[in-house]
N, C-alpha and C. Protein backbone atom coordinates (compact mmCIF):
# COMPACT_ATOMS: atom_id res chain seq x y z
N UNK A 1 10.07 6.15 7.22
CA UNK A 1 9.78 4.83 6.67
C UNK A 1 11.08 4.20 6.21
N UNK A 2 11.09 3.68 5.04
CA UNK A 2 12.20 2.91 4.51
C UNK A 2 13.23 3.82 3.88
N UNK A 3 14.45 3.66 4.26
CA UNK A 3 15.55 4.42 3.69
C UNK A 3 16.36 3.48 2.82
N UNK A 4 16.33 3.69 1.53
CA UNK A 4 16.99 2.77 0.60
C UNK A 4 18.49 2.99 0.51
N UNK A 5 19.03 3.97 1.21
CA UNK A 5 20.45 4.28 1.10
C UNK A 5 21.33 3.09 1.42
N UNK A 6 21.01 2.35 2.48
CA UNK A 6 21.86 1.23 2.86
C UNK A 6 21.89 0.14 1.80
N UNK A 7 20.75 -0.16 1.21
CA UNK A 7 20.70 -1.19 0.17
C UNK A 7 21.48 -0.74 -1.05
N UNK A 8 21.29 0.52 -1.45
CA UNK A 8 22.01 1.02 -2.61
C UNK A 8 23.50 1.10 -2.34
N UNK A 9 23.88 1.45 -1.10
CA UNK A 9 25.29 1.51 -0.75
C UNK A 9 25.93 0.13 -0.88
N UNK A 10 25.25 -0.90 -0.40
CA UNK A 10 25.75 -2.26 -0.53
C UNK A 10 25.86 -2.63 -2.00
N UNK A 11 24.85 -2.25 -2.78
CA UNK A 11 24.86 -2.55 -4.21
C UNK A 11 26.03 -1.84 -4.88
N UNK A 12 26.23 -0.55 -4.58
CA UNK A 12 27.32 0.20 -5.19
C UNK A 12 28.67 -0.35 -4.77
N UNK A 13 28.78 -0.73 -3.50
CA UNK A 13 30.04 -1.26 -2.99
C UNK A 13 30.44 -2.53 -3.73
N UNK A 14 29.48 -3.37 -4.03
CA UNK A 14 29.78 -4.61 -4.74
C UNK A 14 29.71 -4.42 -6.25
N UNK A 15 29.22 -3.25 -6.68
CA UNK A 15 29.08 -2.99 -8.11
C UNK A 15 28.03 -3.88 -8.75
N UNK A 16 27.21 -4.52 -7.95
CA UNK A 16 26.19 -5.39 -8.50
C UNK A 16 26.76 -6.69 -9.07
N UNK A 17 28.05 -6.91 -8.88
CA UNK A 17 28.71 -8.05 -9.49
C UNK A 17 28.31 -9.38 -8.88
N UNK A 18 27.77 -9.36 -7.69
CA UNK A 18 27.48 -10.63 -7.05
C UNK A 18 26.07 -11.16 -7.35
N UNK A 19 25.26 -10.40 -8.10
CA UNK A 19 23.90 -10.81 -8.37
C UNK A 19 23.64 -11.06 -9.85
N UNK A 20 22.90 -12.11 -10.12
CA UNK A 20 22.35 -12.31 -11.46
C UNK A 20 21.02 -11.56 -11.56
N UNK A 21 20.27 -11.56 -10.46
CA UNK A 21 18.99 -10.85 -10.38
C UNK A 21 18.84 -10.25 -9.00
N UNK A 22 18.25 -9.08 -8.94
CA UNK A 22 17.97 -8.40 -7.68
C UNK A 22 16.64 -7.67 -7.84
N UNK A 23 15.70 -7.93 -6.93
CA UNK A 23 14.39 -7.27 -6.95
C UNK A 23 14.07 -6.80 -5.55
N UNK A 24 13.56 -5.59 -5.46
CA UNK A 24 13.19 -5.02 -4.17
C UNK A 24 11.83 -4.35 -4.31
N UNK A 25 10.89 -4.77 -3.48
CA UNK A 25 9.53 -4.24 -3.51
C UNK A 25 9.26 -3.48 -2.22
N UNK A 26 9.01 -2.19 -2.31
CA UNK A 26 8.54 -1.38 -1.19
C UNK A 26 7.03 -1.32 -1.29
N UNK A 27 6.34 -1.93 -0.34
CA UNK A 27 4.90 -2.12 -0.45
C UNK A 27 4.10 -0.90 -0.02
N UNK A 28 2.96 -0.69 -0.69
CA UNK A 28 2.04 0.40 -0.35
C UNK A 28 1.43 0.16 1.02
N UNK A 29 1.26 1.26 1.76
CA UNK A 29 0.54 1.21 3.02
C UNK A 29 1.10 0.14 3.96
N UNK A 30 2.41 -0.04 3.91
CA UNK A 30 3.05 -1.08 4.70
C UNK A 30 4.48 -0.67 5.02
N UNK A 31 4.99 -1.11 6.16
CA UNK A 31 6.40 -0.86 6.46
C UNK A 31 7.32 -1.95 5.90
N UNK A 32 6.77 -2.84 5.09
CA UNK A 32 7.53 -4.00 4.61
C UNK A 32 8.22 -3.73 3.27
N UNK A 33 9.45 -4.23 3.18
CA UNK A 33 10.22 -4.21 1.95
C UNK A 33 10.67 -5.65 1.70
N UNK A 34 10.34 -6.18 0.52
CA UNK A 34 10.71 -7.54 0.17
C UNK A 34 11.90 -7.46 -0.79
N UNK A 35 12.98 -8.17 -0.43
CA UNK A 35 14.20 -8.17 -1.24
C UNK A 35 14.48 -9.61 -1.68
N UNK A 36 14.60 -9.80 -3.00
CA UNK A 36 14.88 -11.11 -3.58
C UNK A 36 16.17 -11.04 -4.37
N UNK A 37 17.06 -12.02 -4.16
CA UNK A 37 18.36 -12.01 -4.84
C UNK A 37 18.67 -13.38 -5.43
N UNK A 38 19.17 -13.35 -6.64
CA UNK A 38 19.73 -14.54 -7.28
C UNK A 38 21.22 -14.24 -7.44
N UNK A 39 22.03 -14.95 -6.67
CA UNK A 39 23.46 -14.70 -6.63
C UNK A 39 24.17 -15.40 -7.79
N UNK A 40 25.35 -14.88 -8.12
CA UNK A 40 26.11 -15.45 -9.24
C UNK A 40 26.55 -16.89 -8.99
N UNK A 41 26.61 -17.30 -7.73
CA UNK A 41 26.96 -18.70 -7.44
C UNK A 41 25.72 -19.61 -7.54
N UNK A 42 24.65 -19.07 -8.14
CA UNK A 42 23.39 -19.77 -8.38
C UNK A 42 22.63 -20.12 -7.10
N UNK A 43 22.85 -19.35 -6.05
CA UNK A 43 22.05 -19.49 -4.84
C UNK A 43 21.05 -18.34 -4.81
N UNK A 44 20.04 -18.50 -3.98
CA UNK A 44 18.97 -17.50 -3.87
C UNK A 44 18.83 -17.10 -2.41
N UNK A 45 18.46 -15.85 -2.20
CA UNK A 45 18.16 -15.40 -0.84
C UNK A 45 17.04 -14.37 -0.92
N UNK A 46 16.34 -14.23 0.19
CA UNK A 46 15.23 -13.27 0.26
C UNK A 46 15.01 -12.87 1.71
N UNK A 47 14.59 -11.63 1.87
CA UNK A 47 14.23 -11.13 3.19
C UNK A 47 12.97 -10.29 3.08
N UNK A 48 12.24 -10.25 4.17
CA UNK A 48 11.16 -9.27 4.34
C UNK A 48 11.62 -8.37 5.48
N UNK A 49 11.88 -7.12 5.15
CA UNK A 49 12.37 -6.16 6.13
C UNK A 49 11.22 -5.24 6.53
N UNK A 50 10.96 -5.16 7.83
CA UNK A 50 9.88 -4.33 8.35
C UNK A 50 10.52 -3.15 9.07
N UNK A 51 10.20 -1.93 8.61
CA UNK A 51 10.80 -0.70 9.13
C UNK A 51 9.76 0.07 9.96
N UNK A 52 10.06 0.21 11.24
CA UNK A 52 9.15 0.90 12.16
C UNK A 52 9.93 1.91 13.00
N UNK A 53 9.21 2.85 13.59
CA UNK A 53 9.78 3.76 14.58
C UNK A 53 8.91 3.71 15.81
N UNK A 54 9.56 3.66 16.96
CA UNK A 54 8.81 3.73 18.21
C UNK A 54 8.42 5.19 18.41
N UNK A 55 7.15 5.41 18.73
CA UNK A 55 6.64 6.78 18.88
C UNK A 55 7.49 7.53 19.89
N UNK A 56 7.86 8.75 19.53
CA UNK A 56 8.67 9.58 20.40
C UNK A 56 10.17 9.36 20.23
N UNK A 57 10.56 8.51 19.29
CA UNK A 57 11.97 8.22 19.06
C UNK A 57 12.28 8.35 17.57
N UNK A 58 13.48 8.77 17.27
CA UNK A 58 13.92 8.83 15.87
C UNK A 58 14.61 7.56 15.44
N UNK A 59 14.82 6.65 16.38
CA UNK A 59 15.51 5.41 16.09
C UNK A 59 14.63 4.48 15.27
N UNK A 60 15.14 4.02 14.13
CA UNK A 60 14.39 3.10 13.28
C UNK A 60 14.62 1.67 13.74
N UNK A 61 13.54 0.93 13.82
CA UNK A 61 13.60 -0.49 14.18
C UNK A 61 13.39 -1.27 12.89
N UNK A 62 14.32 -2.15 12.61
CA UNK A 62 14.20 -2.97 11.40
C UNK A 62 14.18 -4.43 11.82
N UNK A 63 13.08 -5.09 11.47
CA UNK A 63 12.97 -6.52 11.70
C UNK A 63 13.20 -7.21 10.36
N UNK A 64 14.19 -8.06 10.30
CA UNK A 64 14.50 -8.76 9.05
C UNK A 64 14.10 -10.23 9.19
N UNK A 65 13.20 -10.65 8.31
CA UNK A 65 12.79 -12.05 8.25
C UNK A 65 13.48 -12.68 7.06
N UNK A 66 14.34 -13.64 7.33
CA UNK A 66 15.05 -14.33 6.25
C UNK A 66 14.21 -15.51 5.79
N UNK A 67 14.01 -15.58 4.49
CA UNK A 67 13.21 -16.65 3.92
C UNK A 67 14.10 -17.81 3.51
N UNK A 68 13.52 -18.99 3.41
CA UNK A 68 14.27 -20.16 2.99
C UNK A 68 14.73 -19.97 1.54
N UNK A 69 15.95 -20.44 1.21
CA UNK A 69 16.46 -20.30 -0.17
C UNK A 69 15.51 -20.88 -1.23
N UNK A 70 14.85 -22.00 -0.91
CA UNK A 70 13.92 -22.58 -1.88
C UNK A 70 12.74 -21.65 -2.16
N UNK A 71 12.25 -20.97 -1.12
CA UNK A 71 11.16 -20.01 -1.31
C UNK A 71 11.65 -18.82 -2.14
N UNK A 72 12.86 -18.36 -1.87
CA UNK A 72 13.44 -17.26 -2.65
C UNK A 72 13.57 -17.66 -4.11
N UNK A 73 14.07 -18.84 -4.35
CA UNK A 73 14.24 -19.34 -5.72
C UNK A 73 12.89 -19.41 -6.44
N UNK A 74 11.91 -19.96 -5.76
CA UNK A 74 10.57 -20.10 -6.34
C UNK A 74 9.99 -18.74 -6.73
N UNK A 75 10.13 -17.75 -5.83
CA UNK A 75 9.59 -16.43 -6.13
C UNK A 75 10.32 -15.78 -7.30
N UNK A 76 11.64 -15.84 -7.32
CA UNK A 76 12.41 -15.23 -8.41
C UNK A 76 12.03 -15.88 -9.74
N UNK A 77 11.97 -17.20 -9.78
CA UNK A 77 11.64 -17.88 -11.03
C UNK A 77 10.21 -17.55 -11.49
N UNK A 78 9.26 -17.50 -10.56
CA UNK A 78 7.89 -17.15 -10.93
C UNK A 78 7.78 -15.70 -11.41
N UNK A 79 8.52 -14.81 -10.78
CA UNK A 79 8.50 -13.41 -11.21
C UNK A 79 9.10 -13.25 -12.60
N UNK A 80 10.19 -13.97 -12.86
CA UNK A 80 10.79 -13.92 -14.20
C UNK A 80 9.81 -14.48 -15.24
N UNK A 81 9.17 -15.58 -14.88
CA UNK A 81 8.19 -16.18 -15.78
C UNK A 81 7.02 -15.22 -16.04
N UNK A 82 6.68 -14.41 -15.05
CA UNK A 82 5.58 -13.46 -15.17
C UNK A 82 6.02 -12.15 -15.83
N UNK A 83 7.28 -12.06 -16.27
CA UNK A 83 7.73 -10.92 -17.05
C UNK A 83 8.26 -9.74 -16.29
N UNK A 84 8.74 -9.93 -15.07
CA UNK A 84 9.21 -8.79 -14.28
C UNK A 84 10.38 -8.06 -14.95
N UNK A 85 11.20 -8.76 -15.70
CA UNK A 85 12.36 -8.11 -16.32
C UNK A 85 11.98 -7.22 -17.49
N UNK A 86 10.73 -7.26 -17.91
CA UNK A 86 10.29 -6.40 -19.01
C UNK A 86 9.69 -5.09 -18.52
N UNK A 87 9.60 -4.89 -17.20
CA UNK A 87 8.99 -3.68 -16.65
C UNK A 87 9.76 -2.44 -17.10
N UNK A 88 9.00 -1.39 -17.39
CA UNK A 88 9.58 -0.09 -17.67
C UNK A 88 8.57 0.97 -17.24
N UNK A 89 8.87 2.23 -17.56
CA UNK A 89 8.01 3.32 -17.09
C UNK A 89 6.60 3.27 -17.69
N UNK A 90 6.38 2.54 -18.76
CA UNK A 90 5.04 2.46 -19.35
C UNK A 90 4.10 1.59 -18.54
N UNK A 91 4.62 0.86 -17.57
CA UNK A 91 3.76 -0.04 -16.79
C UNK A 91 2.76 0.70 -15.93
N UNK A 92 2.96 1.98 -15.73
CA UNK A 92 1.95 2.75 -15.00
C UNK A 92 1.00 3.34 -16.04
N UNK A 93 0.16 2.48 -16.60
CA UNK A 93 -0.70 2.84 -17.72
C UNK A 93 -2.08 3.32 -17.30
N UNK A 94 -2.26 3.59 -16.03
CA UNK A 94 -3.57 4.06 -15.56
C UNK A 94 -3.66 5.57 -15.73
N UNK A 95 -4.79 6.05 -16.14
CA UNK A 95 -5.00 7.48 -16.38
C UNK A 95 -5.33 8.24 -15.09
N UNK A 96 -5.61 7.53 -14.01
CA UNK A 96 -6.01 8.18 -12.77
C UNK A 96 -4.78 8.76 -12.08
N UNK A 97 -4.91 9.99 -11.60
CA UNK A 97 -3.84 10.61 -10.82
C UNK A 97 -4.22 10.56 -9.35
N UNK A 98 -3.26 10.21 -8.51
CA UNK A 98 -3.52 10.12 -7.07
C UNK A 98 -2.89 11.32 -6.38
N UNK A 99 -3.63 11.93 -5.49
CA UNK A 99 -3.14 13.09 -4.77
C UNK A 99 -2.41 12.63 -3.51
N UNK A 100 -1.10 12.73 -3.54
CA UNK A 100 -0.26 12.39 -2.39
C UNK A 100 -0.52 11.00 -1.84
N UNK A 101 -0.79 10.05 -2.69
CA UNK A 101 -1.02 8.69 -2.24
C UNK A 101 0.28 7.94 -2.05
N UNK A 102 0.16 6.72 -1.65
CA UNK A 102 1.31 5.84 -1.46
C UNK A 102 1.61 5.14 -2.78
N UNK A 103 2.81 4.60 -2.91
CA UNK A 103 3.18 3.94 -4.15
C UNK A 103 3.97 2.67 -3.86
N UNK A 104 3.72 1.65 -4.66
CA UNK A 104 4.56 0.47 -4.67
C UNK A 104 5.84 0.87 -5.38
N UNK A 105 6.98 0.57 -4.79
CA UNK A 105 8.25 0.83 -5.48
C UNK A 105 8.88 -0.49 -5.85
N UNK A 106 9.45 -0.52 -7.03
CA UNK A 106 10.17 -1.69 -7.51
C UNK A 106 11.56 -1.24 -7.91
N UNK A 107 12.56 -1.88 -7.33
CA UNK A 107 13.95 -1.68 -7.75
C UNK A 107 14.43 -3.01 -8.28
N UNK A 108 15.14 -2.95 -9.39
CA UNK A 108 15.65 -4.19 -9.94
C UNK A 108 16.97 -3.94 -10.63
N UNK A 109 17.75 -4.98 -10.72
CA UNK A 109 19.04 -4.94 -11.39
C UNK A 109 18.82 -5.31 -12.86
N UNK A 110 19.30 -4.46 -13.75
CA UNK A 110 19.24 -4.77 -15.18
C UNK A 110 20.49 -4.19 -15.84
N UNK A 111 21.22 -5.03 -16.56
CA UNK A 111 22.46 -4.61 -17.21
C UNK A 111 23.44 -3.95 -16.24
N UNK A 112 23.56 -4.57 -15.06
CA UNK A 112 24.45 -4.09 -14.00
C UNK A 112 24.13 -2.69 -13.50
N UNK A 113 22.89 -2.24 -13.69
CA UNK A 113 22.44 -0.95 -13.19
C UNK A 113 21.15 -1.15 -12.44
N UNK A 114 21.00 -0.37 -11.37
CA UNK A 114 19.77 -0.43 -10.59
C UNK A 114 18.75 0.50 -11.24
N UNK A 115 17.54 -0.05 -11.49
CA UNK A 115 16.43 0.72 -12.03
C UNK A 115 15.34 0.80 -10.97
N UNK A 116 14.64 1.92 -10.93
CA UNK A 116 13.55 2.10 -9.96
C UNK A 116 12.28 2.52 -10.67
N UNK A 117 11.16 1.98 -10.20
CA UNK A 117 9.84 2.32 -10.73
C UNK A 117 8.89 2.51 -9.56
N UNK A 118 7.91 3.38 -9.74
CA UNK A 118 6.88 3.60 -8.72
C UNK A 118 5.51 3.43 -9.37
N UNK A 119 4.64 2.71 -8.68
CA UNK A 119 3.29 2.46 -9.16
C UNK A 119 2.31 2.93 -8.08
N UNK A 120 1.66 4.08 -8.30
CA UNK A 120 0.78 4.64 -7.27
C UNK A 120 -0.36 3.69 -6.89
N UNK A 121 -0.56 3.60 -5.57
CA UNK A 121 -1.72 2.88 -5.01
C UNK A 121 -1.92 1.50 -5.60
N UNK A 122 -0.87 0.71 -5.66
CA UNK A 122 -0.97 -0.65 -6.20
C UNK A 122 -0.73 -1.65 -5.07
N UNK A 123 -1.67 -2.56 -4.88
CA UNK A 123 -1.66 -3.51 -3.77
C UNK A 123 -1.80 -4.94 -4.28
N UNK A 124 -1.42 -5.94 -3.46
CA UNK A 124 -1.70 -7.33 -3.85
C UNK A 124 -3.20 -7.52 -4.05
N UNK A 125 -3.60 -8.45 -4.93
CA UNK A 125 -5.02 -8.64 -5.26
C UNK A 125 -5.91 -8.89 -4.06
N UNK A 126 -5.44 -9.59 -3.04
CA UNK A 126 -6.27 -9.89 -1.89
C UNK A 126 -6.54 -8.69 -1.01
N UNK A 127 -5.77 -7.61 -1.19
CA UNK A 127 -5.94 -6.42 -0.35
C UNK A 127 -6.77 -5.34 -1.01
N UNK A 128 -7.00 -5.47 -2.29
CA UNK A 128 -7.76 -4.46 -3.02
C UNK A 128 -8.32 -5.09 -4.29
N UNK A 129 -9.18 -4.36 -4.94
CA UNK A 129 -9.79 -4.85 -6.19
C UNK A 129 -8.71 -5.12 -7.23
N UNK A 130 -8.97 -6.06 -8.13
CA UNK A 130 -8.00 -6.30 -9.21
C UNK A 130 -7.86 -5.05 -10.10
N UNK A 131 -6.68 -4.79 -10.53
CA UNK A 131 -6.42 -3.67 -11.42
C UNK A 131 -7.15 -3.87 -12.74
N UNK A 132 -7.48 -2.77 -13.41
CA UNK A 132 -8.24 -2.87 -14.65
C UNK A 132 -7.39 -2.64 -15.89
N UNK A 133 -6.23 -2.02 -15.75
CA UNK A 133 -5.40 -1.81 -16.93
C UNK A 133 -4.41 -2.98 -17.04
N UNK A 134 -4.09 -3.40 -18.25
CA UNK A 134 -3.29 -4.62 -18.44
C UNK A 134 -1.92 -4.59 -17.76
N UNK A 135 -1.21 -3.46 -17.85
CA UNK A 135 0.12 -3.43 -17.29
C UNK A 135 0.10 -3.36 -15.76
N UNK A 136 -0.80 -2.57 -15.19
CA UNK A 136 -0.91 -2.52 -13.73
C UNK A 136 -1.37 -3.88 -13.19
N UNK A 137 -2.23 -4.56 -13.92
CA UNK A 137 -2.65 -5.90 -13.52
C UNK A 137 -1.44 -6.85 -13.51
N UNK A 138 -0.55 -6.69 -14.46
CA UNK A 138 0.65 -7.52 -14.50
C UNK A 138 1.52 -7.27 -13.26
N UNK A 139 1.69 -5.99 -12.89
CA UNK A 139 2.46 -5.67 -11.68
C UNK A 139 1.75 -6.22 -10.45
N UNK A 140 0.44 -6.11 -10.40
CA UNK A 140 -0.32 -6.65 -9.28
C UNK A 140 -0.13 -8.17 -9.19
N UNK A 141 -0.02 -8.82 -10.33
CA UNK A 141 0.22 -10.27 -10.32
C UNK A 141 1.61 -10.61 -9.77
N UNK A 142 2.59 -9.72 -9.96
CA UNK A 142 3.91 -9.94 -9.35
C UNK A 142 3.77 -9.92 -7.83
N UNK A 143 2.96 -8.99 -7.33
CA UNK A 143 2.73 -8.93 -5.89
C UNK A 143 2.01 -10.18 -5.40
N UNK A 144 1.12 -10.70 -6.23
CA UNK A 144 0.39 -11.93 -5.87
C UNK A 144 1.37 -13.10 -5.72
N UNK A 145 2.39 -13.16 -6.56
CA UNK A 145 3.41 -14.22 -6.45
C UNK A 145 4.08 -14.15 -5.08
N UNK A 146 4.48 -12.97 -4.68
CA UNK A 146 5.16 -12.80 -3.39
C UNK A 146 4.21 -13.11 -2.24
N UNK A 147 3.01 -12.54 -2.31
CA UNK A 147 2.05 -12.72 -1.22
C UNK A 147 1.61 -14.18 -1.11
N UNK A 148 1.53 -14.87 -2.25
CA UNK A 148 1.15 -16.29 -2.23
C UNK A 148 2.25 -17.12 -1.55
N UNK A 149 3.49 -16.83 -1.85
CA UNK A 149 4.60 -17.59 -1.27
C UNK A 149 4.84 -17.24 0.20
N UNK A 150 4.69 -15.97 0.52
CA UNK A 150 4.94 -15.49 1.88
C UNK A 150 3.80 -14.56 2.26
N UNK A 151 2.87 -15.02 3.04
CA UNK A 151 1.73 -14.20 3.42
C UNK A 151 2.24 -12.95 4.14
N UNK A 152 2.18 -11.81 3.45
CA UNK A 152 2.76 -10.58 3.97
C UNK A 152 2.02 -10.07 5.20
N UNK A 153 0.71 -10.19 5.23
CA UNK A 153 -0.05 -9.76 6.42
C UNK A 153 0.33 -10.61 7.63
N UNK A 154 0.45 -11.90 7.42
CA UNK A 154 0.84 -12.81 8.51
C UNK A 154 2.25 -12.50 9.00
N UNK A 155 3.15 -12.22 8.06
CA UNK A 155 4.51 -11.86 8.44
C UNK A 155 4.50 -10.60 9.30
N UNK A 156 3.75 -9.58 8.90
CA UNK A 156 3.69 -8.34 9.67
C UNK A 156 3.08 -8.59 11.04
N UNK A 157 2.07 -9.42 11.10
CA UNK A 157 1.45 -9.77 12.37
C UNK A 157 2.46 -10.45 13.30
N UNK A 158 3.28 -11.34 12.76
CA UNK A 158 4.32 -12.01 13.56
C UNK A 158 5.35 -11.02 14.08
N UNK A 159 5.73 -10.06 13.25
CA UNK A 159 6.68 -9.03 13.68
C UNK A 159 6.07 -8.23 14.83
N UNK A 160 4.81 -7.83 14.69
CA UNK A 160 4.15 -7.05 15.74
C UNK A 160 4.09 -7.81 17.06
N UNK A 161 3.88 -9.12 16.99
CA UNK A 161 3.82 -9.94 18.21
C UNK A 161 5.14 -9.94 18.97
N UNK A 162 6.25 -9.82 18.26
CA UNK A 162 7.57 -9.87 18.88
C UNK A 162 8.05 -8.53 19.44
N UNK A 163 7.30 -7.46 19.18
CA UNK A 163 7.70 -6.14 19.66
C UNK A 163 7.45 -6.00 21.15
N UNK A 164 8.24 -5.15 21.79
CA UNK A 164 7.99 -4.81 23.19
C UNK A 164 6.82 -3.85 23.26
N UNK A 165 6.28 -3.68 24.45
CA UNK A 165 5.16 -2.76 24.62
C UNK A 165 5.52 -1.37 24.16
N UNK A 166 4.52 -0.70 23.57
CA UNK A 166 4.73 0.67 23.12
C UNK A 166 3.90 0.96 21.88
N UNK A 167 4.06 2.16 21.39
CA UNK A 167 3.38 2.59 20.17
C UNK A 167 4.42 2.68 19.06
N UNK A 168 4.11 2.08 17.93
CA UNK A 168 5.02 2.02 16.79
C UNK A 168 4.34 2.64 15.58
N UNK A 169 5.15 3.28 14.73
CA UNK A 169 4.61 3.99 13.58
C UNK A 169 5.42 3.70 12.32
N UNK A 170 4.76 3.92 11.18
CA UNK A 170 5.43 3.87 9.88
C UNK A 170 4.70 4.80 8.93
N UNK A 171 5.39 5.24 7.90
CA UNK A 171 4.82 6.14 6.91
C UNK A 171 4.15 5.36 5.80
N UNK A 172 3.02 5.89 5.35
CA UNK A 172 2.29 5.31 4.22
C UNK A 172 1.78 6.48 3.39
N UNK A 173 2.51 6.84 2.36
CA UNK A 173 2.14 8.01 1.57
C UNK A 173 2.31 9.24 2.42
N UNK A 174 1.25 10.06 2.52
CA UNK A 174 1.33 11.27 3.34
C UNK A 174 0.89 11.00 4.78
N UNK A 175 0.47 9.79 5.07
CA UNK A 175 -0.03 9.42 6.39
C UNK A 175 1.04 8.71 7.21
N UNK A 176 0.94 8.88 8.51
CA UNK A 176 1.71 8.09 9.45
C UNK A 176 0.73 7.17 10.14
N UNK A 177 1.02 5.88 10.08
CA UNK A 177 0.14 4.89 10.69
C UNK A 177 0.81 4.39 11.96
N UNK A 178 0.08 4.43 13.05
CA UNK A 178 0.60 3.99 14.35
C UNK A 178 -0.28 2.88 14.90
N UNK A 179 0.33 2.01 15.68
CA UNK A 179 -0.41 0.96 16.37
C UNK A 179 0.24 0.76 17.73
N UNK A 180 -0.57 0.26 18.66
CA UNK A 180 -0.10 0.08 20.03
C UNK A 180 0.09 -1.40 20.32
N UNK A 181 1.24 -1.75 20.84
CA UNK A 181 1.54 -3.12 21.29
C UNK A 181 1.38 -3.11 22.80
N UNK A 182 0.46 -3.94 23.29
CA UNK A 182 0.19 -3.98 24.74
C UNK A 182 0.96 -5.06 25.41
């Protein structure tokens, strides 16, 4: 699935000095990673990166969809307004334990350091029932901001349409999900 080494390497190489804000969402049950950046020159950028492997190959295929700067700005500002910078390890306030399930991952820049959080089995509201605990509901609302601005299912569908014929796979928790492009 997604290998965060390249993103972290870029972050370490620049020392995080070029960003005022950096958010990265690795989505549950999806090959998509959403990256939002607020640069020190007060510009915004965002990408949706889709990580797939063609069946029978170890070569990773990455489709990068670059979003308009205005959309990136809108998402960053809405996420800040929704309290994303206050996230910490207590945000996983659900008592339920998941056995080898998938997790939403959040990486963000805070005090010039990259922080990472994982939230088991957390999906945008339109893909699953609304969360019942206050903090997980707040994280789910962050996903709603992204999904509202950029329909993630539609984006993935567009990526699939552009693929050549073959079978493609991605990891989702302990499962590998494959689909055939005809």
